[in-house]
N, C-alpha and C. Protein backbone atom coordinates (compact mmCIF):
# COMPACT_ATOMS: atom_id res chain seq x y z
N MET A 1 -21.07 -17.23 -20.49
CA MET A 1 -19.92 -16.83 -20.98
C MET A 1 -19.44 -16.93 -22.17
N ASP A 2 -18.55 -16.20 -22.67
CA ASP A 2 -18.09 -16.58 -24.24
C ASP A 2 -17.10 -18.45 -23.62
N ALA A 3 -17.57 -18.73 -24.90
CA ALA A 3 -16.70 -20.42 -25.22
C ALA A 3 -15.55 -20.38 -24.79
N GLN A 4 -14.92 -19.50 -25.02
CA GLN A 4 -13.47 -19.76 -25.46
C GLN A 4 -13.08 -18.70 -23.84
N ALA A 5 -13.68 -18.71 -23.32
CA ALA A 5 -12.42 -17.50 -21.95
C ALA A 5 -13.57 -18.25 -20.92
N ILE A 6 -11.59 -18.77 -19.91
CA ILE A 6 -12.49 -18.86 -18.93
C ILE A 6 -12.42 -17.77 -17.72
N THR A 7 -13.13 -17.24 -16.17
CA THR A 7 -12.98 -16.40 -15.80
C THR A 7 -13.37 -17.05 -14.06
N PHE A 8 -12.40 -16.86 -13.14
CA PHE A 8 -13.08 -17.33 -11.79
C PHE A 8 -11.48 -16.29 -10.57
N THR A 9 -11.96 -16.61 -9.83
CA THR A 9 -11.61 -15.29 -8.52
C THR A 9 -10.93 -16.50 -7.17
N VAL A 10 -9.96 -15.90 -7.14
CA VAL A 10 -8.81 -16.51 -5.67
C VAL A 10 -9.67 -16.03 -4.72
N PRO A 11 -9.96 -16.04 -3.99
CA PRO A 11 -10.50 -15.63 -3.15
C PRO A 11 -8.67 -15.12 -1.55
N GLY A 12 -9.18 -14.30 -0.78
CA GLY A 12 -8.39 -13.41 0.00
C GLY A 12 -6.60 -12.46 -1.10
N GLN A 13 -5.90 -11.80 -0.15
CA GLN A 13 -5.07 -11.44 -0.16
C GLN A 13 -4.60 -12.22 -1.54
N PRO A 14 -3.83 -10.92 -2.56
CA PRO A 14 -3.01 -11.43 -3.55
C PRO A 14 -1.96 -11.33 -2.92
N VAL A 15 -1.02 -12.72 -4.05
CA VAL A 15 0.48 -12.86 -3.74
C VAL A 15 0.88 -12.80 -4.50
N PRO A 16 2.12 -11.47 -4.53
CA PRO A 16 2.71 -11.85 -6.01
C PRO A 16 4.41 -12.76 -5.79
N GLN A 17 4.63 -12.77 -6.78
CA GLN A 17 5.46 -14.11 -7.48
C GLN A 17 7.09 -13.34 -6.65
N PRO A 18 7.36 -13.76 -5.01
CA PRO A 18 9.06 -13.07 -4.40
C PRO A 18 9.76 -13.81 -5.50
N ARG A 19 11.62 -12.72 -5.28
CA ARG A 19 12.63 -13.14 -6.32
C ARG A 19 13.19 -14.87 -5.38
N HIS A 20 14.00 -14.95 -5.82
CA HIS A 20 14.32 -16.65 -5.34
C HIS A 20 15.24 -15.87 -4.91
N LYS A 21 15.34 -16.64 -3.72
CA LYS A 21 17.03 -17.04 -3.04
C LYS A 21 17.95 -17.46 -3.14
N VAL A 22 19.14 -17.22 -2.63
CA VAL A 22 19.98 -17.96 -3.26
C VAL A 22 21.45 -18.49 -2.07
N ALA A 23 21.75 -19.77 -2.47
CA ALA A 23 22.26 -20.43 -2.20
C ALA A 23 23.30 -20.43 -2.54
N ALA A 24 24.34 -21.02 -2.21
CA ALA A 24 25.90 -21.48 -2.46
C ALA A 24 25.85 -23.41 -1.64
N ARG A 25 26.04 -23.62 -2.14
CA ARG A 25 26.33 -25.63 -1.55
C ARG A 25 27.17 -26.16 -2.50
N GLY A 26 28.92 -25.80 -2.02
CA GLY A 26 29.98 -26.35 -2.20
C GLY A 26 30.37 -24.94 -3.34
N ARG A 27 30.47 -25.67 -4.54
CA ARG A 27 30.74 -24.09 -5.85
C ARG A 27 29.43 -23.73 -6.68
N PHE A 28 28.45 -24.57 -6.35
CA PHE A 28 27.39 -24.01 -7.44
C PHE A 28 26.33 -23.55 -6.45
N ALA A 29 25.12 -23.04 -7.16
CA ALA A 29 24.61 -22.22 -6.38
C ALA A 29 23.24 -22.83 -6.51
N HIS A 30 22.53 -22.35 -5.64
CA HIS A 30 21.28 -23.29 -6.06
C HIS A 30 20.08 -21.48 -5.84
N ALA A 31 19.54 -21.85 -6.16
CA ALA A 31 18.07 -20.92 -6.31
C ALA A 31 16.86 -21.50 -5.49
N TYR A 32 16.26 -20.24 -4.77
CA TYR A 32 14.69 -21.44 -4.34
C TYR A 32 14.23 -20.43 -3.70
N ILE A 33 12.54 -20.96 -3.31
CA ILE A 33 11.89 -19.88 -2.84
C ILE A 33 11.52 -21.07 -1.15
N PRO A 34 11.70 -20.15 -0.09
CA PRO A 34 11.99 -21.14 0.80
C PRO A 34 10.03 -20.77 1.20
N ALA A 35 10.18 -22.08 1.84
CA ALA A 35 8.98 -23.70 1.61
C ALA A 35 7.66 -22.92 2.34
N HIS A 36 8.21 -21.92 3.17
CA HIS A 36 7.35 -21.69 4.12
C HIS A 36 6.41 -20.35 3.41
N HIS A 37 6.91 -19.62 2.08
CA HIS A 37 6.52 -18.71 1.87
C HIS A 37 5.11 -18.48 1.29
N PRO A 38 4.46 -17.89 1.72
CA PRO A 38 2.72 -17.58 0.84
C PRO A 38 2.04 -18.23 0.02
N ILE A 39 3.23 -17.43 -1.40
CA ILE A 39 3.23 -17.96 -2.77
C ILE A 39 2.98 -19.38 -2.89
N HIS A 40 3.39 -20.50 -2.36
CA HIS A 40 3.26 -21.47 -2.50
C HIS A 40 1.87 -22.13 -2.07
N ALA A 41 1.36 -21.99 -1.94
CA ALA A 41 -0.85 -21.69 -1.17
C ALA A 41 -1.05 -21.30 -2.11
N TYR A 42 -1.25 -19.63 -2.80
CA TYR A 42 -1.87 -19.07 -3.00
C TYR A 42 -1.56 -19.82 -5.25
N ARG A 43 -0.78 -20.54 -4.94
CA ARG A 43 -0.84 -20.84 -6.56
C ARG A 43 -0.98 -22.62 -6.64
N GLU A 44 -1.44 -22.74 -5.49
CA GLU A 44 -1.54 -24.09 -4.98
C GLU A 44 -3.14 -23.75 -5.45
N ALA A 45 -3.84 -23.05 -4.73
CA ALA A 45 -5.77 -22.16 -4.96
C ALA A 45 -6.08 -21.41 -6.66
N VAL A 46 -4.60 -21.33 -6.72
CA VAL A 46 -5.37 -20.70 -8.25
C VAL A 46 -4.96 -21.95 -9.21
N THR A 47 -4.45 -22.94 -8.87
CA THR A 47 -4.40 -24.18 -10.11
C THR A 47 -5.53 -24.87 -10.12
N LEU A 48 -6.11 -24.88 -8.65
CA LEU A 48 -7.31 -25.52 -8.59
C LEU A 48 -8.35 -24.47 -8.47
N LEU A 49 -8.59 -23.68 -8.60
CA LEU A 49 -9.64 -23.22 -9.23
C LEU A 49 -9.67 -23.04 -10.64
N ALA A 50 -8.47 -22.98 -11.26
CA ALA A 50 -8.25 -23.02 -12.66
C ALA A 50 -8.72 -24.30 -13.27
N LYS A 51 -8.81 -25.21 -12.58
CA LYS A 51 -8.66 -26.52 -12.60
C LYS A 51 -10.36 -27.03 -13.03
N SER A 52 -11.51 -26.52 -11.67
CA SER A 52 -12.72 -26.39 -11.26
C SER A 52 -13.24 -25.63 -12.37
N SER A 53 -13.18 -25.06 -13.00
CA SER A 53 -13.66 -23.25 -13.66
C SER A 53 -13.46 -23.99 -15.26
N ARG A 54 -12.30 -25.17 -15.43
CA ARG A 54 -11.48 -25.29 -16.87
C ARG A 54 -13.32 -26.22 -17.24
N PRO A 55 -13.67 -25.85 -19.08
CA PRO A 55 -14.36 -26.45 -19.43
C PRO A 55 -14.58 -27.58 -20.24
N GLU A 56 -14.82 -28.94 -19.82
CA GLU A 56 -14.92 -29.97 -20.93
C GLU A 56 -14.62 -30.01 -22.17
N GLY A 57 -13.30 -29.80 -22.73
CA GLY A 57 -12.87 -29.98 -24.11
C GLY A 57 -11.92 -28.50 -24.24
N TRP A 58 -11.93 -28.65 -22.96
CA TRP A 58 -10.89 -26.72 -23.98
C TRP A 58 -9.51 -27.10 -23.73
N ARG A 59 -9.55 -26.64 -24.74
CA ARG A 59 -8.07 -26.90 -25.89
C ARG A 59 -6.91 -25.85 -25.48
N LYS A 60 -5.69 -26.64 -25.49
CA LYS A 60 -4.44 -25.59 -24.13
C LYS A 60 -3.29 -24.88 -25.64
N GLU A 61 -4.00 -25.57 -26.56
CA GLU A 61 -3.44 -24.91 -27.55
C GLU A 61 -3.17 -23.70 -28.47
N GLY A 62 -2.58 -23.14 -28.73
CA GLY A 62 -2.47 -21.78 -29.52
C GLY A 62 -2.30 -19.93 -28.71
N PRO A 63 -2.95 -19.64 -29.56
CA PRO A 63 -2.11 -18.06 -28.45
C PRO A 63 -3.60 -17.95 -27.30
N MET A 64 -2.87 -17.34 -26.44
CA MET A 64 -3.92 -16.44 -25.28
C MET A 64 -3.95 -15.33 -24.83
N SER A 65 -4.83 -14.98 -24.25
CA SER A 65 -4.78 -13.90 -23.80
C SER A 65 -4.82 -13.65 -22.02
N VAL A 66 -4.29 -13.09 -21.27
CA VAL A 66 -5.03 -13.86 -19.73
C VAL A 66 -4.87 -12.51 -19.05
N ASP A 67 -5.46 -12.21 -18.30
CA ASP A 67 -6.78 -10.20 -17.87
C ASP A 67 -6.59 -11.00 -16.06
N ILE A 68 -5.90 -10.27 -14.81
CA ILE A 68 -5.90 -10.60 -13.44
C ILE A 68 -6.21 -8.98 -13.45
N GLU A 69 -6.29 -9.56 -11.86
CA GLU A 69 -7.22 -8.32 -11.29
C GLU A 69 -6.94 -8.24 -9.78
N ALA A 70 -6.14 -7.50 -9.36
CA ALA A 70 -5.53 -8.15 -7.89
C ALA A 70 -6.10 -7.47 -6.90
N VAL A 71 -7.03 -7.18 -6.02
CA VAL A 71 -7.85 -6.46 -5.03
C VAL A 71 -7.35 -6.48 -3.92
N PHE A 72 -6.65 -5.67 -3.38
CA PHE A 72 -5.60 -5.66 -1.48
C PHE A 72 -6.32 -5.17 -0.98
N GLU A 73 -6.58 -6.09 0.53
CA GLU A 73 -7.38 -5.84 1.39
C GLU A 73 -6.75 -4.15 2.07
N ARG A 74 -7.17 -2.89 2.77
CA ARG A 74 -6.18 -1.72 3.04
C ARG A 74 -5.86 -2.52 4.48
N PRO A 75 -4.49 -2.15 4.68
CA PRO A 75 -3.77 -1.77 6.52
C PRO A 75 -4.99 -1.27 7.19
N PRO A 76 -4.93 -1.34 8.30
CA PRO A 76 -5.28 -0.84 9.13
C PRO A 76 -4.65 0.67 9.18
N SER A 77 -4.30 0.63 8.78
CA SER A 77 -3.27 2.44 9.24
C SER A 77 -3.70 3.37 7.99
N HIS A 78 -4.74 2.87 7.48
CA HIS A 78 -5.11 3.59 5.90
C HIS A 78 -6.45 4.26 6.75
N LEU A 79 -7.09 2.99 7.95
CA LEU A 79 -8.40 3.91 7.86
C LEU A 79 -8.09 4.13 8.96
N ARG A 80 -9.70 5.14 9.71
CA ARG A 80 -9.98 6.25 10.76
C ARG A 80 -11.58 6.30 10.36
N LYS A 81 -11.94 6.28 12.01
CA LYS A 81 -13.64 5.99 12.24
C LYS A 81 -14.66 6.77 11.44
N GLY A 82 -13.96 7.83 10.62
CA GLY A 82 -14.68 8.92 9.55
C GLY A 82 -14.57 7.90 8.19
N GLY A 83 -13.55 6.89 7.92
CA GLY A 83 -13.26 6.19 6.72
C GLY A 83 -11.92 6.41 6.63
N LEU A 84 -11.42 6.65 4.82
CA LEU A 84 -10.56 6.70 4.47
C LEU A 84 -9.66 7.88 5.24
N ALA A 85 -8.60 7.75 5.78
CA ALA A 85 -7.21 8.19 6.44
C ALA A 85 -7.02 9.49 5.19
N ALA A 86 -6.56 10.37 5.21
CA ALA A 86 -6.51 11.46 4.50
C ALA A 86 -4.90 11.03 3.91
N LYS A 87 -4.28 10.85 3.84
CA LYS A 87 -2.50 10.56 3.59
C LYS A 87 -2.75 8.90 3.51
N ALA A 88 -4.73 8.31 2.92
CA ALA A 88 -4.25 7.06 2.57
C ALA A 88 -3.32 6.46 1.06
N PRO A 89 -2.39 6.03 0.32
CA PRO A 89 -2.51 5.97 -0.45
C PRO A 89 -3.55 5.46 -1.61
N ALA A 90 -3.71 6.16 -2.98
CA ALA A 90 -4.82 5.85 -3.40
C ALA A 90 -4.65 3.73 -4.03
N TYR A 91 -3.30 4.29 -4.24
CA TYR A 91 -2.87 2.11 -5.34
C TYR A 91 -2.22 1.79 -4.32
N PRO A 92 -2.29 0.79 -4.35
CA PRO A 92 -1.08 -0.77 -3.37
C PRO A 92 0.64 -0.47 -4.13
N PRO A 93 1.14 0.07 -3.18
CA PRO A 93 2.39 0.15 -3.38
C PRO A 93 3.45 -0.68 -3.14
N LYS A 94 3.43 -2.33 -2.39
CA LYS A 94 3.97 -3.44 -1.58
C LYS A 94 4.64 -3.88 -2.61
N CYS A 95 4.12 -3.96 -4.42
CA CYS A 95 4.36 -5.25 -5.09
C CYS A 95 4.39 -4.44 -5.73
N ASP A 96 5.25 -5.35 -7.88
CA ASP A 96 5.50 -4.99 -8.82
C ASP A 96 4.18 -5.22 -8.99
N TRP A 97 3.72 -5.27 -10.62
CA TRP A 97 2.11 -5.81 -11.29
C TRP A 97 2.68 -6.73 -11.39
N ASP A 98 4.12 -6.85 -12.50
CA ASP A 98 4.25 -8.27 -13.26
C ASP A 98 4.44 -9.09 -12.31
N ASN A 99 4.84 -9.18 -11.34
CA ASN A 99 4.74 -10.62 -10.04
C ASN A 99 4.07 -10.83 -9.84
N LEU A 100 2.60 -10.29 -9.39
CA LEU A 100 0.97 -10.39 -9.66
C LEU A 100 1.04 -11.54 -10.84
N GLY A 101 1.09 -11.26 -11.96
CA GLY A 101 1.12 -11.43 -12.86
C GLY A 101 2.39 -12.76 -13.35
N LYS A 102 3.40 -12.84 -12.78
CA LYS A 102 3.31 -14.27 -13.20
C LYS A 102 3.29 -15.64 -12.05
N GLY A 103 3.41 -15.13 -10.53
CA GLY A 103 2.99 -16.05 -10.04
C GLY A 103 1.01 -17.08 -10.64
N VAL A 104 0.59 -15.67 -11.56
CA VAL A 104 -0.75 -16.94 -11.47
C VAL A 104 -0.93 -17.03 -12.58
N SER A 105 0.45 -16.49 -14.03
CA SER A 105 0.16 -17.96 -14.82
C SER A 105 1.45 -18.67 -14.85
N ASP A 106 2.68 -18.86 -13.73
CA ASP A 106 3.36 -19.97 -13.45
C ASP A 106 1.81 -21.22 -12.83
N ALA A 107 0.86 -20.45 -12.06
CA ALA A 107 0.12 -21.81 -11.20
C ALA A 107 -0.41 -22.06 -12.93
N ILE A 108 -1.07 -21.72 -13.44
CA ILE A 108 -2.20 -21.72 -14.97
C ILE A 108 -1.62 -22.63 -15.51
N THR A 109 -0.23 -22.70 -15.89
CA THR A 109 0.67 -23.15 -16.47
C THR A 109 0.28 -25.29 -16.58
N GLY A 110 0.08 -25.97 -18.42
CA GLY A 110 -0.36 -26.60 -17.79
C GLY A 110 -1.59 -27.43 -17.56
N VAL A 111 -2.20 -26.11 -17.26
CA VAL A 111 -4.26 -26.48 -17.16
C VAL A 111 -4.46 -25.26 -17.59
N LEU A 112 -4.34 -24.75 -18.37
CA LEU A 112 -5.36 -23.90 -19.58
C LEU A 112 -4.53 -22.69 -20.11
N TRP A 113 -3.26 -23.50 -20.58
CA TRP A 113 -2.16 -23.11 -21.38
C TRP A 113 -1.07 -24.68 -21.21
N HIS A 114 -0.24 -24.56 -22.41
CA HIS A 114 0.35 -25.39 -21.96
C HIS A 114 2.03 -24.75 -21.71
N ASP A 115 1.86 -23.52 -22.07
CA ASP A 115 3.37 -23.01 -21.52
C ASP A 115 2.83 -21.34 -21.79
N ASP A 116 3.66 -20.47 -20.60
CA ASP A 116 2.97 -18.99 -20.77
C ASP A 116 3.33 -17.95 -21.56
N GLU A 117 4.49 -19.11 -22.31
CA GLU A 117 4.65 -18.57 -23.93
C GLU A 117 3.53 -18.35 -25.71
N GLN A 118 2.52 -18.88 -24.63
CA GLN A 118 1.72 -19.06 -25.96
C GLN A 118 1.08 -17.44 -25.59
N VAL A 119 0.74 -16.91 -23.96
CA VAL A 119 0.21 -15.84 -23.59
C VAL A 119 0.38 -14.70 -24.67
N VAL A 120 -0.13 -13.70 -26.01
CA VAL A 120 0.59 -12.84 -26.98
C VAL A 120 -0.63 -11.42 -26.40
N ASP A 121 -1.20 -10.92 -25.02
CA ASP A 121 -1.51 -10.59 -24.52
C ASP A 121 -2.17 -10.39 -23.11
N GLY A 122 -1.35 -9.48 -22.43
CA GLY A 122 -1.77 -10.17 -20.73
C GLY A 122 -1.69 -8.24 -20.19
N ARG A 123 -2.70 -8.43 -19.14
CA ARG A 123 -2.75 -7.30 -18.39
C ARG A 123 -3.22 -8.13 -16.84
N SER A 124 -2.39 -6.98 -16.30
CA SER A 124 -2.45 -7.60 -14.91
C SER A 124 -2.28 -5.94 -13.80
N ARG A 125 -3.38 -6.10 -12.84
CA ARG A 125 -3.90 -4.51 -12.44
C ARG A 125 -4.04 -4.78 -11.43
N LYS A 126 -3.71 -4.29 -10.19
CA LYS A 126 -3.87 -3.85 -8.70
C LYS A 126 -4.52 -2.46 -8.41
N ARG A 127 -5.19 -3.45 -6.91
CA ARG A 127 -5.81 -2.02 -6.80
C ARG A 127 -6.67 -2.65 -5.01
N TYR A 128 -6.90 -1.56 -4.46
CA TYR A 128 -7.06 -1.70 -2.97
C TYR A 128 -8.55 -2.00 -3.03
N ALA A 129 -8.94 -3.22 -2.70
CA ALA A 129 -10.80 -2.87 -2.50
C ALA A 129 -11.20 -1.91 -1.85
N ALA A 130 -13.14 -1.09 -1.87
CA ALA A 130 -13.63 -0.68 -1.35
C ALA A 130 -13.97 -0.78 -0.34
N SER A 131 -14.27 0.08 0.45
CA SER A 131 -15.31 -0.06 1.88
C SER A 131 -16.27 -1.53 1.78
N GLY A 132 -16.14 -2.61 2.42
CA GLY A 132 -16.88 -3.76 2.40
C GLY A 132 -16.61 -4.90 1.60
N GLU A 133 -15.54 -4.51 0.38
CA GLU A 133 -15.59 -5.02 -0.75
C GLU A 133 -14.21 -6.66 -0.31
N ALA A 134 -13.97 -7.34 -0.69
CA ALA A 134 -13.44 -8.42 -0.05
C ALA A 134 -11.58 -8.36 -0.98
N ALA A 135 -10.76 -8.65 -0.36
CA ALA A 135 -9.56 -9.11 -1.70
C ALA A 135 -9.06 -10.72 -1.82
N ARG A 136 -9.20 -10.41 -3.07
CA ARG A 136 -9.20 -11.93 -4.31
C ARG A 136 -9.18 -11.19 -5.23
N THR A 137 -8.21 -12.28 -6.78
CA THR A 137 -7.36 -12.29 -8.36
C THR A 137 -8.63 -12.81 -8.06
N ILE A 138 -8.75 -11.91 -9.67
CA ILE A 138 -9.56 -12.40 -10.63
C ILE A 138 -9.13 -12.29 -11.55
N VAL A 139 -9.04 -13.62 -12.76
CA VAL A 139 -8.78 -14.02 -14.10
C VAL A 139 -9.38 -14.13 -14.68
N THR A 140 -9.18 -13.73 -16.17
CA THR A 140 -9.56 -14.01 -17.29
C THR A 140 -8.76 -14.82 -18.21
N VAL A 141 -9.19 -15.69 -18.67
CA VAL A 141 -7.88 -16.02 -20.08
C VAL A 141 -8.96 -16.70 -20.98
N ARG A 142 -8.30 -16.24 -21.80
CA ARG A 142 -9.27 -16.25 -23.26
C ARG A 142 -8.53 -17.14 -24.46
N ARG A 143 -8.92 -17.76 -24.67
CA ARG A 143 -8.58 -17.96 -26.83
C ARG A 143 -8.35 -17.79 -27.70
N LEU A 144 -7.64 -17.71 -28.03
CA LEU A 144 -7.91 -16.83 -29.26
C LEU A 144 -7.42 -16.54 -31.12
N ALA A 145 -8.03 -18.56 -30.52
CA ALA A 145 -7.85 -18.57 -32.43
C ALA A 145 -8.06 -20.19 -31.94
């Protein structure tokens, strides 16, 4: 593996960063993500795997590149006894690709880089898992300098 790159895999269904909810407290508005939302456990898993994948001596300074591949499990409605249903979509439509990247990027801030403003090149992709393939998120971070 390239000494300037880290790759790790987060098992399970990818979770996109949700939009914040807003509540009024007196005359002030407060933005939050509900405590029960699955993004919290997902981000914790991303952080732990990033920490355990980080080699000793990894420098968090300088420009970075991030590549995120989100592999989603197909819902049962897409499957038939003979395989994939004729009307099953080819690509996951339920979440914005950039929200997948935002959740992962925020989770590794402070672990693999100081701030996600250091990311100068990024890619986030989503797809359905092939038959027999597990749902997961594959993350690769490269130091560019």
